[in-house]
């Protein structure tokens, strides 16, 4: 069985809500889930700017302004070098 993951990421990379606001948001999302579904909601807190990787489902990385794409292999190499060892 696979997992579905939804991430809420602020549009401004220099802003983040406080922890209480993040917890309230998780509670609102939990209220939207049908009661008969077994769903885990986790809040992950990042103290610094962090890459949030979607894993193997990455299909494309594009600029929201101009629509240009970057090569996903280049991106994978960049992340590997940044987070190695």
PDB file of N, CA and C in Angstrom:
ATOM      1  N   UNK A   1       0.837  -1.168   0.000  1.00  0.00           N
ATOM      2  CA  UNK A   1       0.000   0.000   0.000  1.00  0.00           C
ATOM      3  C   UNK A   1       0.888   1.240   0.000  1.00  0.00           C
ATOM      4  N   UNK A   2       0.505   2.238  -0.772  1.00  0.00           N
ATOM      5  CA  UNK A   2       1.288   3.467  -0.831  1.00  0.00           C
ATOM      6  C   UNK A   2       0.673   4.537   0.069  1.00  0.00           C
ATOM      7  N   UNK A   3       1.445   5.557   0.317  1.00  0.00           N
ATOM      8  CA  UNK A   3       0.985   6.682   1.118  1.00  0.00           C
ATOM      9  C   UNK A   3       0.709   7.865   0.212  1.00  0.00           C
ATOM     10  N   UNK A   4      -0.294   8.640   0.552  1.00  0.00           N
ATOM     11  CA  UNK A   4      -0.529   9.925  -0.087  1.00  0.00           C
ATOM     12  C   UNK A   4      -0.052  10.980   0.890  1.00  0.00           C
ATOM     13  N   UNK A   5       0.756  11.891   0.397  1.00  0.00           N
ATOM     14  CA  UNK A   5       1.303  12.938   1.249  1.00  0.00           C
ATOM     15  C   UNK A   5       0.918  14.285   0.661  1.00  0.00           C
ATOM     16  N   UNK A   6       0.397  15.135   1.496  1.00  0.00           N
ATOM     17  CA  UNK A   6       0.066  16.501   1.094  1.00  0.00           C
ATOM     18  C   UNK A   6       0.920  17.429   1.944  1.00  0.00           C
ATOM     19  N   UNK A   7       1.586  18.350   1.318  1.00  0.00           N
ATOM     20  CA  UNK A   7       2.427  19.296   2.039  1.00  0.00           C
ATOM     21  C   UNK A   7       1.871  20.699   1.848  1.00  0.00           C
ATOM     22  N   UNK A   8       1.829  21.449   2.919  1.00  0.00           N
ATOM     23  CA  UNK A   8       1.433  22.849   2.858  1.00  0.00           C
ATOM     24  C   UNK A   8       2.709  23.654   3.057  1.00  0.00           C
ATOM     25  N   UNK A   9       3.093  24.378   2.013  1.00  0.00           N
ATOM     26  CA  UNK A   9       4.351  25.108   2.024  1.00  0.00           C
ATOM     27  C   UNK A   9       4.044  26.568   1.705  1.00  0.00           C
ATOM     28  N   UNK A  10       4.465  27.504   2.572  1.00  0.00           N
ATOM     29  CA  UNK A  10       4.207  28.919   2.298  1.00  0.00           C
ATOM     30  C   UNK A  10       4.836  29.369   0.987  1.00  0.00           C
ATOM     31  N   UNK A  11       4.182  30.288   0.292  1.00  0.00           N
ATOM     32  CA  UNK A  11       4.715  30.821  -0.961  1.00  0.00           C
ATOM     33  C   UNK A  11       5.964  31.661  -0.724  1.00  0.00           C
ATOM     34  N   UNK A  12       6.054  32.295   0.434  1.00  0.00           N
ATOM     35  CA  UNK A  12       7.211  33.111   0.780  1.00  0.00           C
ATOM     36  C   UNK A  12       8.196  32.248   1.571  1.00  0.00           C
ATOM     37  N   UNK A  13       9.368  31.935   1.014  1.00  0.00           N
ATOM     38  CA  UNK A  13      10.302  31.041   1.704  1.00  0.00           C
ATOM     39  C   UNK A  13      10.898  31.643   2.975  1.00  0.00           C
ATOM     40  N   UNK A  14      10.715  32.921   3.209  1.00  0.00           N
ATOM     41  CA  UNK A  14      11.253  33.552   4.411  1.00  0.00           C
ATOM     42  C   UNK A  14      10.216  33.639   5.533  1.00  0.00           C
ATOM     43  N   UNK A  15       9.035  33.117   5.332  1.00  0.00           N
ATOM     44  CA  UNK A  15       7.970  33.185   6.333  1.00  0.00           C
ATOM     45  C   UNK A  15       7.517  31.781   6.698  1.00  0.00           C
ATOM     46  N   UNK A  16       7.172  31.586   7.928  1.00  0.00           N
ATOM     47  CA  UNK A  16       6.515  30.350   8.331  1.00  0.00           C
ATOM     48  C   UNK A  16       5.587  30.677   9.488  1.00  0.00           C
ATOM     49  N   UNK A  17       4.502  29.927   9.612  1.00  0.00           N
ATOM     50  CA  UNK A  17       3.588  30.167  10.731  1.00  0.00           C
ATOM     51  C   UNK A  17       4.246  29.728  12.035  1.00  0.00           C
ATOM     52  N   UNK A  18       3.699  30.208  13.144  1.00  0.00           N
ATOM     53  CA  UNK A  18       4.219  29.688  14.403  1.00  0.00           C
ATOM     54  C   UNK A  18       3.655  28.280  14.619  1.00  0.00           C
ATOM     55  N   UNK A  19       4.200  27.587  15.586  1.00  0.00           N
ATOM     56  CA  UNK A  19       3.806  26.184  15.804  1.00  0.00           C
ATOM     57  C   UNK A  19       2.328  26.041  16.149  1.00  0.00           C
ATOM     58  N   UNK A  20       1.785  26.978  16.887  1.00  0.00           N
ATOM     59  CA  UNK A  20       0.359  26.904  17.243  1.00  0.00           C
ATOM     60  C   UNK A  20      -0.513  26.985  15.989  1.00  0.00           C
ATOM     61  N   UNK A  21      -0.154  27.854  15.053  1.00  0.00           N
ATOM     62  CA  UNK A  21      -0.907  27.965  13.799  1.00  0.00           C
ATOM     63  C   UNK A  21      -0.790  26.683  12.980  1.00  0.00           C
ATOM     64  N   UNK A  22       0.399  26.078  12.971  1.00  0.00           N
ATOM     65  CA  UNK A  22       0.575  24.812  12.251  1.00  0.00           C
ATOM     66  C   UNK A  22      -0.287  23.718  12.871  1.00  0.00           C
ATOM     67  N   UNK A  23      -0.358  23.675  14.186  1.00  0.00           N
ATOM     68  CA  UNK A  23      -1.197  22.679  14.860  1.00  0.00           C
ATOM     69  C   UNK A  23      -2.678  22.914  14.582  1.00  0.00           C
ATOM     70  N   UNK A  24      -3.100  24.186  14.547  1.00  0.00           N
ATOM     71  CA  UNK A  24      -4.508  24.493  14.229  1.00  0.00           C
ATOM     72  C   UNK A  24      -4.841  24.069  12.799  1.00  0.00           C
ATOM     73  N   UNK A  25      -3.900  24.290  11.881  1.00  0.00           N
ATOM     74  CA  UNK A  25      -4.102  23.877  10.488  1.00  0.00           C
ATOM     75  C   UNK A  25      -4.245  22.367  10.392  1.00  0.00           C
ATOM     76  N   UNK A  26      -3.415  21.628  11.111  1.00  0.00           N
ATOM     77  CA  UNK A  26      -3.512  20.165  11.118  1.00  0.00           C
ATOM     78  C   UNK A  26      -4.867  19.731  11.662  1.00  0.00           C
ATOM     79  N   UNK A  27      -5.372  20.426  12.658  1.00  0.00           N
ATOM     80  CA  UNK A  27      -6.687  20.083  13.223  1.00  0.00           C
ATOM     81  C   UNK A  27      -7.808  20.339  12.211  1.00  0.00           C
ATOM     82  N   UNK A  28      -7.694  21.425  11.449  1.00  0.00           N
ATOM     83  CA  UNK A  28      -8.697  21.709  10.414  1.00  0.00           C
ATOM     84  C   UNK A  28      -8.673  20.617   9.351  1.00  0.00           C
ATOM     85  N   UNK A  29      -7.471  20.233   8.906  1.00  0.00           N
ATOM     86  CA  UNK A  29      -7.346  19.179   7.897  1.00  0.00           C
ATOM     87  C   UNK A  29      -7.910  17.866   8.435  1.00  0.00           C
ATOM     88  N   UNK A  30      -7.610  17.541   9.682  1.00  0.00           N
ATOM     89  CA  UNK A  30      -8.136  16.307  10.283  1.00  0.00           C
ATOM     90  C   UNK A  30      -9.658  16.312  10.282  1.00  0.00           C
ATOM     91  N   UNK A  31     -10.251  17.474  10.464  1.00  0.00           N
ATOM     92  CA  UNK A  31     -11.711  17.575  10.447  1.00  0.00           C
ATOM     93  C   UNK A  31     -12.321  17.371   9.075  1.00  0.00           C
ATOM     94  N   UNK A  32     -11.531  17.486   8.031  1.00  0.00           N
ATOM     95  CA  UNK A  32     -12.023  17.292   6.660  1.00  0.00           C
ATOM     96  C   UNK A  32     -12.002  15.831   6.223  1.00  0.00           C
ATOM     97  N   UNK A  33     -11.307  14.995   6.971  1.00  0.00           N
ATOM     98  CA  UNK A  33     -11.172  13.583   6.619  1.00  0.00           C
ATOM     99  C   UNK A  33     -12.411  12.820   7.104  1.00  0.00           C
ATOM    100  N   UNK A  34     -13.028  12.022   6.237  1.00  0.00           N
ATOM    101  CA  UNK A  34     -14.170  11.222   6.681  1.00  0.00           C
ATOM    102  C   UNK A  34     -13.805  10.360   7.893  1.00  0.00           C
ATOM    103  N   UNK A  35     -14.702  10.267   8.844  1.00  0.00           N
ATOM    104  CA  UNK A  35     -14.439   9.569  10.102  1.00  0.00           C
ATOM    105  C   UNK A  35     -14.117   8.090   9.926  1.00  0.00           C
ATOM    106  N   UNK A  36     -14.580   7.468   8.849  1.00  0.00           N
ATOM    107  CA  UNK A  36     -14.335   6.035   8.673  1.00  0.00           C
ATOM    108  C   UNK A  36     -12.976   5.736   8.027  1.00  0.00           C
ATOM    109  N   UNK A  37     -12.189   6.762   7.716  1.00  0.00           N
ATOM    110  CA  UNK A  37     -10.865   6.547   7.126  1.00  0.00           C
ATOM    111  C   UNK A  37      -9.795   6.642   8.203  1.00  0.00           C
ATOM    112  N   UNK A  38      -8.832   5.742   8.128  1.00  0.00           N
ATOM    113  CA  UNK A  38      -7.727   5.737   9.069  1.00  0.00           C
ATOM    114  C   UNK A  38      -6.601   6.596   8.477  1.00  0.00           C
ATOM    115  N   UNK A  39      -6.479   7.823   8.981  1.00  0.00           N
ATOM    116  CA  UNK A  39      -5.526   8.766   8.420  1.00  0.00           C
ATOM    117  C   UNK A  39      -4.632   9.304   9.536  1.00  0.00           C
ATOM    118  N   UNK A  40      -3.324   9.314   9.274  1.00  0.00           N
ATOM    119  CA  UNK A  40      -2.368   9.927  10.193  1.00  0.00           C
ATOM    120  C   UNK A  40      -1.986  11.294   9.657  1.00  0.00           C
ATOM    121  N   UNK A  41      -2.055  12.286  10.503  1.00  0.00           N
ATOM    122  CA  UNK A  41      -1.648  13.630  10.113  1.00  0.00           C
ATOM    123  C   UNK A  41      -0.449  14.009  10.968  1.00  0.00           C
ATOM    124  N   UNK A  42       0.656  14.279  10.302  1.00  0.00           N
ATOM    125  CA  UNK A  42       1.892  14.656  10.980  1.00  0.00           C
ATOM    126  C   UNK A  42       2.258  16.085  10.596  1.00  0.00           C
ATOM    127  N   UNK A  43       2.696  16.846  11.557  1.00  0.00           N
ATOM    128  CA  UNK A  43       3.211  18.180  11.299  1.00  0.00           C
ATOM    129  C   UNK A  43       4.723  18.100  11.441  1.00  0.00           C
ATOM    130  N   UNK A  44       5.424  18.404  10.368  1.00  0.00           N
ATOM    131  CA  UNK A  44       6.880  18.412  10.381  1.00  0.00           C
ATOM    132  C   UNK A  44       7.340  19.860  10.398  1.00  0.00           C
ATOM    133  N   UNK A  45       8.180  20.191  11.351  1.00  0.00           N
ATOM    134  CA  UNK A  45       8.632  21.567  11.528  1.00  0.00           C
ATOM    135  C   UNK A  45      10.076  21.697  11.060  1.00  0.00           C
ATOM    136  N   UNK A  46      10.340  22.663  10.213  1.00  0.00           N
ATOM    137  CA  UNK A  46      11.695  22.916   9.714  1.00  0.00           C
ATOM    138  C   UNK A  46      12.144  24.283  10.223  1.00  0.00           C
ATOM    139  N   UNK A  47      13.256  24.322  10.928  1.00  0.00           N
ATOM    140  CA  UNK A  47      13.774  25.580  11.480  1.00  0.00           C
ATOM    141  C   UNK A  47      14.435  26.454  10.410  1.00  0.00           C
ATOM    142  N   UNK A  48      14.898  25.842   9.328  1.00  0.00           N
ATOM    143  CA  UNK A  48      15.553  26.583   8.255  1.00  0.00           C
ATOM    144  C   UNK A  48      14.907  26.213   6.926  1.00  0.00           C
ATOM    145  N   UNK A  49      15.241  26.957   5.896  1.00  0.00           N
ATOM    146  CA  UNK A  49      14.768  26.654   4.553  1.00  0.00           C
ATOM    147  C   UNK A  49      15.172  25.224   4.202  1.00  0.00           C
ATOM    148  N   UNK A  50      14.210  24.398   3.792  1.00  0.00           N
ATOM    149  CA  UNK A  50      14.429  22.975   3.602  1.00  0.00           C
ATOM    150  C   UNK A  50      13.827  22.497   2.286  1.00  0.00           C
ATOM    151  N   UNK A  51      14.522  21.613   1.620  1.00  0.00           N
ATOM    152  CA  UNK A  51      13.968  20.975   0.429  1.00  0.00           C
ATOM    153  C   UNK A  51      12.968  19.920   0.891  1.00  0.00           C
ATOM    154  N   UNK A  52      11.761  19.990   0.369  1.00  0.00           N
ATOM    155  CA  UNK A  52      10.736  18.990   0.668  1.00  0.00           C
ATOM    156  C   UNK A  52      10.588  18.153  -0.591  1.00  0.00           C
ATOM    157  N   UNK A  53      11.091  16.923  -0.527  1.00  0.00           N
ATOM    158  CA  UNK A  53      11.172  16.045  -1.685  1.00  0.00           C
ATOM    159  C   UNK A  53       9.914  15.181  -1.793  1.00  0.00           C
ATOM    160  N   UNK A  54       9.372  15.088  -2.984  1.00  0.00           N
ATOM    161  CA  UNK A  54       8.189  14.247  -3.191  1.00  0.00           C
ATOM    162  C   UNK A  54       8.564  12.796  -3.479  1.00  0.00           C
ATOM    163  N   UNK A  55       9.857  12.492  -3.501  1.00  0.00           N
ATOM    164  CA  UNK A  55      10.286  11.117  -3.720  1.00  0.00           C
ATOM    165  C   UNK A  55      10.231  10.724  -5.178  1.00  0.00           C
ATOM    166  N   UNK A  56       9.892   9.478  -5.428  1.00  0.00           N
ATOM    167  CA  UNK A  56       9.960   8.937  -6.780  1.00  0.00           C
ATOM    168  C   UNK A  56       8.865   9.452  -7.702  1.00  0.00           C
ATOM    169  N   UNK A  57       7.906  10.195  -7.187  1.00  0.00           N
ATOM    170  CA  UNK A  57       6.818  10.689  -8.029  1.00  0.00           C
ATOM    171  C   UNK A  57       7.124  12.011  -8.727  1.00  0.00           C
ATOM    172  N   UNK A  58       8.340  12.509  -8.598  1.00  0.00           N
ATOM    173  CA  UNK A  58       8.702  13.759  -9.242  1.00  0.00           C
ATOM    174  C   UNK A  58       8.672  13.590 -10.760  1.00  0.00           C
ATOM    175  N   UNK A  59       7.899  14.416 -11.410  1.00  0.00           N
ATOM    176  CA  UNK A  59       7.787  14.357 -12.865  1.00  0.00           C
ATOM    177  C   UNK A  59       8.422  15.565 -13.535  1.00  0.00           C
ATOM    178  N   UNK A  60       8.322  16.724 -12.892  1.00  0.00           N
ATOM    179  CA  UNK A  60       8.762  17.960 -13.529  1.00  0.00           C
ATOM    180  C   UNK A  60       8.992  19.012 -12.458  1.00  0.00           C
ATOM    181  N   UNK A  61       9.990  19.870 -12.679  1.00  0.00           N
ATOM    182  CA  UNK A  61      10.205  21.046 -11.851  1.00  0.00           C
ATOM    183  C   UNK A  61      10.123  22.238 -12.781  1.00  0.00           C
ATOM    184  N   UNK A  62       9.205  23.127 -12.498  1.00  0.00           N
ATOM    185  CA  UNK A  62       9.014  24.255 -13.392  1.00  0.00           C
ATOM    186  C   UNK A  62       8.877  25.571 -12.663  1.00  0.00           C
ATOM    187  N   UNK A  63       9.182  26.634 -13.355  1.00  0.00           N
ATOM    188  CA  UNK A  63       9.043  27.983 -12.837  1.00  0.00           C
ATOM    189  C   UNK A  63       7.576  28.395 -12.932  1.00  0.00           C
ATOM    190  N   UNK A  64       6.974  28.826 -11.818  1.00  0.00           N
ATOM    191  CA  UNK A  64       5.574  29.230 -11.870  1.00  0.00           C
ATOM    192  C   UNK A  64       5.356  30.528 -12.658  1.00  0.00           C
ATOM    193  N   UNK A  65       6.428  31.291 -12.890  1.00  0.00           N
ATOM    194  CA  UNK A  65       6.290  32.546 -13.620  1.00  0.00           C
ATOM    195  C   UNK A  65       6.368  32.365 -15.135  1.00  0.00           C
ATOM    196  N   UNK A  66       7.425  31.677 -15.598  1.00  0.00           N
ATOM    197  CA  UNK A  66       7.628  31.571 -17.053  1.00  0.00           C
ATOM    198  C   UNK A  66       7.318  30.195 -17.620  1.00  0.00           C
ATOM    199  N   UNK A  67       7.161  29.187 -16.729  1.00  0.00           N
ATOM    200  CA  UNK A  67       6.846  27.846 -17.201  1.00  0.00           C
ATOM    201  C   UNK A  67       8.052  27.022 -17.631  1.00  0.00           C
ATOM    202  N   UNK A  68       9.254  27.594 -17.560  1.00  0.00           N
ATOM    203  CA  UNK A  68      10.455  26.858 -17.954  1.00  0.00           C
ATOM    204  C   UNK A  68      10.701  25.690 -17.006  1.00  0.00           C
ATOM    205  N   UNK A  69      11.296  24.628 -17.512  1.00  0.00           N
ATOM    206  CA  UNK A  69      11.606  23.433 -16.718  1.00  0.00           C
ATOM    207  C   UNK A  69      13.101  23.324 -16.480  1.00  0.00           C
ATOM    208  N   UNK A  70      13.462  22.641 -15.371  1.00  0.00           N
ATOM    209  CA  UNK A  70      14.857  22.281 -15.166  1.00  0.00           C
ATOM    210  C   UNK A  70      14.944  20.760 -15.220  1.00  0.00           C
ATOM    211  N   UNK A  71      16.119  20.294 -15.541  1.00  0.00           N
ATOM    212  CA  UNK A  71      16.349  18.866 -15.686  1.00  0.00           C
ATOM    213  C   UNK A  71      16.275  18.184 -14.315  1.00  0.00           C
ATOM    214  N   UNK A  72      15.447  17.150 -14.187  1.00  0.00           N
ATOM    215  CA  UNK A  72      15.281  16.475 -12.897  1.00  0.00           C
ATOM    216  C   UNK A  72      16.527  15.699 -12.488  1.00  0.00           C
ATOM    217  N   UNK A  73      17.327  15.231 -13.426  1.00  0.00           N
ATOM    218  CA  UNK A  73      18.584  14.557 -13.066  1.00  0.00           C
ATOM    219  C   UNK A  73      19.571  15.563 -12.467  1.00  0.00           C
ATOM    220  N   UNK A  74      19.636  16.764 -13.042  1.00  0.00           N
ATOM    221  CA  UNK A  74      20.487  17.816 -12.495  1.00  0.00           C
ATOM    222  C   UNK A  74      20.044  18.122 -11.063  1.00  0.00           C
ATOM    223  N   UNK A  75      18.734  18.221 -10.846  1.00  0.00           N
ATOM    224  CA  UNK A  75      18.182  18.494  -9.525  1.00  0.00           C
ATOM    225  C   UNK A  75      18.557  17.385  -8.535  1.00  0.00           C
ATOM    226  N   UNK A  76      18.431  16.143  -8.967  1.00  0.00           N
ATOM    227  CA  UNK A  76      18.774  15.003  -8.092  1.00  0.00           C
ATOM    228  C   UNK A  76      20.259  15.044  -7.728  1.00  0.00           C
ATOM    229  N   UNK A  77      21.115  15.356  -8.688  1.00  0.00           N
ATOM    230  CA  UNK A  77      22.548  15.458  -8.411  1.00  0.00           C
ATOM    231  C   UNK A  77      22.840  16.590  -7.435  1.00  0.00           C
ATOM    232  N   UNK A  78      22.147  17.702  -7.600  1.00  0.00           N
ATOM    233  CA  UNK A  78      22.325  18.848  -6.716  1.00  0.00           C
ATOM    234  C   UNK A  78      21.945  18.467  -5.274  1.00  0.00           C
ATOM    235  N   UNK A  79      20.820  17.802  -5.115  1.00  0.00           N
ATOM    236  CA  UNK A  79      20.385  17.388  -3.778  1.00  0.00           C
ATOM    237  C   UNK A  79      21.339  16.364  -3.168  1.00  0.00           C
ATOM    238  N   UNK A  80      21.787  15.415  -3.972  1.00  0.00           N
ATOM    239  CA  UNK A  80      22.721  14.402  -3.478  1.00  0.00           C
ATOM    240  C   UNK A  80      24.002  15.048  -2.975  1.00  0.00           C
ATOM    241  N   UNK A  81      24.506  16.007  -3.714  1.00  0.00           N
ATOM    242  CA  UNK A  81      25.718  16.691  -3.291  1.00  0.00           C
ATOM    243  C   UNK A  81      25.505  17.561  -2.075  1.00  0.00           C
ATOM    244  N   UNK A  82      24.347  18.176  -1.976  1.00  0.00           N
ATOM    245  CA  UNK A  82      24.033  19.070  -0.853  1.00  0.00           C
ATOM    246  C   UNK A  82      23.851  18.295   0.453  1.00  0.00           C
ATOM    247  N   UNK A  83      23.239  17.128   0.373  1.00  0.00           N
ATOM    248  CA  UNK A  83      22.882  16.396   1.587  1.00  0.00           C
ATOM    249  C   UNK A  83      23.718  15.134   1.810  1.00  0.00           C
ATOM    250  N   UNK A  84      24.794  14.974   1.032  1.00  0.00           N
ATOM    251  CA  UNK A  84      25.654  13.795   1.197  1.00  0.00           C
ATOM    252  C   UNK A  84      26.420  13.866   2.516  1.00  0.00           C
ATOM    253  N   UNK A  85      26.527  12.689   3.160  1.00  0.00           N
ATOM    254  CA  UNK A  85      27.336  12.488   4.332  1.00  0.00           C
ATOM    255  C   UNK A  85      27.177  13.476   5.392  1.00  0.00           C
TER     256      UNK A  85
END
